[in-house]
Amino acid sequence: MSIFNRYPYIVVEGPIGSGKTTLAKMLTDQFPVDYLSEKAEANPFLPRFYQDVRRYSLPTQLFFLFQRANQINDLNQRDMFAKPIVADFFLEKDPIFARLNLDDEEYALYHQIYQHLQIKAPKPDLVIYLQTPTDALMERIEDRSISYEQEISREYIDRLANAYSAFFHSYDASPILIVNNEKLNILKNQSAFDLLLSRIDQIKGQREFFNPNFEE
């Protein structure tokens, strides 16, 4: 029995470098599901954002907001008997970046647009949050060698990781599996991926934790 029989809409989340897209793609390869991708590379402001966070925060944020609103609208129009879905983004976390990067006036504008769009995102059946310490995030960002990501400061990644932790500390809208992702590098070790699948299959409650001591 597939994990998607139980959880037909799974969202994978975590800061940049946590491996959320890698995990979502691996789930897509393993199971007959549709993949809803964040498509960060489609945002033309993103490379400039990492070079000058202050200047490009608002256009970067608004591009992502409209992009995700369109994707959510498409998702809402799907046939209820369509294939299960795994997504590597989560609309509810959008304000994390907005509050982190925008000044008060920009945030007020962003919030006004967010409210005006009236986006009604379907509730995930399961959220997998890859909680990853800053050292591991920085190492994985460096390893994947995307040129504009090398501009990201450690201070920014640290603030982002803390903002994610604070958000998911109180999140209770869907069942959530919080994964200590420091040593669970699924990209380098197939056994780590299999171990995670097994843990997902064992979920019994609304909020659970997975703390594997898995060396690469």
Protein backbone atom coordinates (compact mmCIF):
# COMPACT_ATOMS: atom_id res chain seq x y z
CA MET A 1 0.00 0.00 0.00
CA SER A 2 1.42 3.39 -1.04
CA ILE A 3 1.77 6.28 1.41
CA PHE A 4 -0.33 8.22 -1.12
CA ASN A 5 -3.32 5.97 -0.51
CA ARG A 6 -3.36 7.43 2.96
CA TYR A 7 -2.04 10.89 2.10
CA PRO A 8 -3.13 11.81 -1.45
CA TYR A 9 -1.78 15.37 -1.14
CA ILE A 10 1.68 15.61 0.45
CA VAL A 11 3.62 18.84 0.84
CA VAL A 12 7.38 18.78 1.45
CA GLU A 13 8.78 21.92 3.04
CA GLY A 14 12.02 23.31 4.42
CA PRO A 15 14.48 26.15 3.85
CA ILE A 16 16.63 26.44 0.75
CA GLY A 17 19.17 23.60 0.81
CA SER A 18 17.03 21.32 2.97
CA GLY A 19 16.33 18.95 0.08
CA LYS A 20 12.58 19.54 -0.26
CA THR A 21 12.68 19.54 -4.06
CA THR A 22 14.94 16.48 -4.12
CA LEU A 23 12.55 14.57 -1.85
CA ALA A 24 9.49 15.65 -3.84
CA LYS A 25 11.12 14.50 -7.09
CA MET A 26 12.15 11.18 -5.56
CA LEU A 27 8.57 10.59 -4.39
CA THR A 28 7.38 11.42 -7.90
CA ASP A 29 9.81 8.89 -9.37
CA GLN A 30 8.84 6.22 -6.85
CA PHE A 31 5.06 6.57 -7.03
CA PRO A 32 2.47 7.31 -9.76
CA VAL A 33 1.76 10.87 -8.58
CA ASP A 34 1.72 14.37 -10.05
CA TYR A 35 4.41 16.83 -9.03
CA LEU A 36 3.56 20.43 -8.16
CA SER A 37 6.85 22.32 -8.30
CA GLU A 38 7.80 25.66 -6.81
CA LYS A 39 9.77 26.42 -10.00
CA ALA A 40 12.01 28.92 -8.26
CA GLU A 41 14.20 29.13 -11.35
CA ALA A 42 11.31 30.77 -13.23
CA ASN A 43 11.48 33.84 -10.99
CA PRO A 44 13.60 36.39 -12.91
CA PHE A 45 14.23 38.45 -9.77
CA LEU A 46 15.69 35.62 -7.67
CA PRO A 47 19.37 35.85 -8.75
CA ARG A 48 19.33 39.61 -8.12
CA PHE A 49 17.55 39.07 -4.79
CA TYR A 50 20.46 37.04 -3.44
CA GLN A 51 22.87 39.77 -4.53
CA ASP A 52 20.83 42.60 -3.02
CA VAL A 53 18.13 41.32 -0.67
CA ARG A 54 16.88 44.74 0.35
CA ARG A 55 16.36 46.05 -3.18
CA TYR A 56 14.74 43.01 -4.78
CA SER A 57 12.68 41.58 -1.92
CA LEU A 58 9.32 42.98 -3.00
CA PRO A 59 9.37 42.02 -6.72
CA THR A 60 10.75 38.57 -5.83
CA GLN A 61 8.02 38.04 -3.25
CA LEU A 62 5.19 39.25 -5.49
CA PHE A 63 6.34 37.11 -8.42
CA PHE A 64 6.25 34.02 -6.21
CA LEU A 65 2.87 35.01 -4.77
CA PHE A 66 1.20 35.33 -8.20
CA GLN A 67 2.94 32.19 -9.46
CA ARG A 68 1.73 30.15 -6.50
CA ALA A 69 -1.76 31.63 -6.69
CA ASN A 70 -2.05 30.40 -10.28
CA GLN A 71 -0.77 26.95 -9.32
CA ILE A 72 -3.21 26.70 -6.42
CA ASN A 73 -6.09 27.74 -8.68
CA ASP A 74 -5.11 25.00 -11.14
CA LEU A 75 -4.94 22.53 -8.26
CA ASN A 76 -8.42 23.50 -7.06
CA GLN A 77 -9.84 22.80 -10.52
CA ARG A 78 -8.44 19.28 -10.73
CA ASP A 79 -10.71 16.27 -11.03
CA MET A 80 -11.23 14.75 -7.60
CA PHE A 81 -10.32 11.38 -9.08
CA ALA A 82 -7.01 12.62 -10.51
CA LYS A 83 -3.68 11.19 -9.39
CA PRO A 84 -2.28 12.04 -5.94
CA ILE A 85 0.01 15.06 -5.66
CA VAL A 86 3.33 15.86 -4.04
CA ALA A 87 4.31 19.53 -3.84
CA ASP A 88 7.60 21.17 -2.87
CA PHE A 89 5.98 24.43 -1.78
CA PHE A 90 3.37 25.48 0.69
CA LEU A 91 1.37 28.68 0.24
CA GLU A 92 0.92 29.14 3.99
CA LYS A 93 4.67 29.62 4.42
CA ASP A 94 4.75 32.53 1.93
CA PRO A 95 4.41 35.15 4.69
CA ILE A 96 7.57 33.73 6.32
CA PHE A 97 9.67 35.22 3.53
CA ALA A 98 7.54 38.37 3.33
CA ARG A 99 7.92 39.17 7.01
CA LEU A 100 11.62 38.28 6.93
CA ASN A 101 12.57 40.40 3.92
CA LEU A 102 10.08 43.25 3.51
CA ASP A 103 9.95 46.50 5.44
CA ASP A 104 6.68 47.47 7.14
CA GLU A 105 5.25 49.42 4.20
CA GLU A 106 6.17 46.71 1.67
CA TYR A 107 4.73 44.04 3.93
CA ALA A 108 1.46 45.99 4.24
CA LEU A 109 1.26 46.13 0.42
CA TYR A 110 2.10 42.43 0.11
CA HIS A 111 -0.53 41.54 2.72
CA GLN A 112 -3.16 43.65 0.94
CA ILE A 113 -2.47 41.87 -2.36
CA TYR A 114 -2.44 38.47 -0.61
CA GLN A 115 -5.86 39.20 0.90
CA HIS A 116 -7.24 40.55 -2.38
CA LEU A 117 -6.30 37.37 -4.26
CA GLN A 118 -8.45 35.34 -1.84
CA ILE A 119 -6.43 32.19 -2.48
CA LYS A 120 -8.12 29.12 -1.07
CA ALA A 121 -5.39 26.51 -0.93
CA PRO A 122 -6.50 22.92 -0.35
CA LYS A 123 -5.34 21.51 2.96
CA PRO A 124 -2.49 19.00 2.63
CA ASP A 125 -3.13 15.49 3.90
CA LEU A 126 0.45 15.47 5.21
CA VAL A 127 3.23 18.04 5.58
CA ILE A 128 6.82 16.80 5.76
CA TYR A 129 9.00 19.52 7.26
CA LEU A 130 12.73 19.00 6.75
CA GLN A 131 14.20 20.78 9.75
CA THR A 132 17.85 21.40 8.89
CA PRO A 133 20.57 23.25 10.86
CA THR A 134 22.34 26.18 9.25
CA ASP A 135 25.67 24.36 8.84
CA ALA A 136 24.04 21.58 6.83
CA LEU A 137 22.06 24.07 4.73
CA MET A 138 25.19 26.03 3.85
CA GLU A 139 27.07 22.84 2.96
CA ARG A 140 24.29 21.57 0.68
CA ILE A 141 23.86 24.95 -1.01
CA GLU A 142 27.58 24.94 -1.77
CA ASP A 143 27.48 21.33 -2.99
CA ARG A 144 24.76 21.94 -5.57
CA SER A 145 26.75 24.83 -7.07
CA ILE A 146 23.91 27.01 -8.37
CA SER A 147 25.81 30.20 -9.13
CA TYR A 148 23.45 32.83 -7.73
CA GLU A 149 22.86 30.81 -4.54
CA GLN A 150 26.53 31.17 -3.65
CA GLU A 151 25.75 34.83 -2.87
CA ILE A 152 23.51 33.87 0.05
CA SER A 153 24.93 34.92 3.41
CA ARG A 154 25.08 32.61 6.39
CA GLU A 155 23.26 35.24 8.44
CA TYR A 156 20.30 35.14 6.03
CA ILE A 157 20.15 31.32 6.03
CA ASP A 158 20.27 31.31 9.83
CA ARG A 159 17.37 33.76 10.05
CA LEU A 160 15.42 31.77 7.47
CA ALA A 161 15.94 28.45 9.27
CA ASN A 162 14.81 30.01 12.55
CA ALA A 163 11.72 31.51 10.87
CA TYR A 164 10.76 28.10 9.46
CA SER A 165 11.21 26.48 12.88
CA ALA A 166 9.03 29.10 14.53
CA PHE A 167 6.29 28.68 11.91
CA PHE A 168 6.13 24.91 12.07
CA HIS A 169 6.42 24.89 15.86
CA SER A 170 2.81 26.06 16.03
CA TYR A 171 1.47 24.66 12.73
CA ASP A 172 -1.47 22.31 13.31
CA ALA A 173 -3.74 22.62 10.25
CA SER A 174 -2.62 19.25 8.81
CA PRO A 175 -0.79 16.17 10.06
CA ILE A 176 2.93 16.99 10.11
CA LEU A 177 6.10 14.93 10.26
CA ILE A 178 9.04 17.02 11.47
CA VAL A 179 12.24 15.42 10.22
CA ASN A 180 15.63 16.12 11.79
CA ASN A 181 17.37 16.41 8.45
CA GLU A 182 20.96 16.95 9.62
CA LYS A 183 22.18 13.43 8.83
CA LEU A 184 19.39 12.18 6.56
CA ASN A 185 20.85 13.05 3.16
CA ILE A 186 18.52 11.26 0.77
CA LEU A 187 20.40 12.55 -2.27
CA LYS A 188 23.54 10.66 -1.30
CA ASN A 189 22.01 7.56 0.25
CA GLN A 190 19.07 5.53 -1.06
CA SER A 191 18.77 3.80 2.31
CA ALA A 192 18.01 7.17 3.90
CA PHE A 193 15.10 7.62 1.50
CA ASP A 194 13.79 4.14 2.24
CA LEU A 195 14.07 4.83 5.97
CA LEU A 196 12.03 8.01 5.59
CA LEU A 197 9.33 6.21 3.60
CA SER A 198 9.09 3.61 6.34
CA ARG A 199 8.72 6.32 8.99
CA ILE A 200 5.95 8.06 7.02
CA ASP A 201 4.11 4.74 6.85
CA GLN A 202 4.21 4.52 10.66
CA ILE A 203 2.60 7.90 11.38
CA LYS A 204 -0.24 7.60 13.84
CA GLY A 205 -0.77 11.09 15.24
CA GLN A 206 -1.32 14.65 14.08
CA ARG A 207 2.22 15.78 14.91
CA GLU A 208 5.22 13.46 14.94
CA PHE A 209 9.00 13.72 14.94
CA PHE A 210 11.67 11.70 13.17
CA ASN A 211 15.21 11.94 14.53
CA PRO A 212 17.35 9.45 12.57
CA ASN A 213 21.02 9.07 13.40
CA PHE A 214 21.92 8.26 9.83
CA GLU A 215 25.50 8.82 8.70
CA GLU A 216 26.13 9.53 5.02
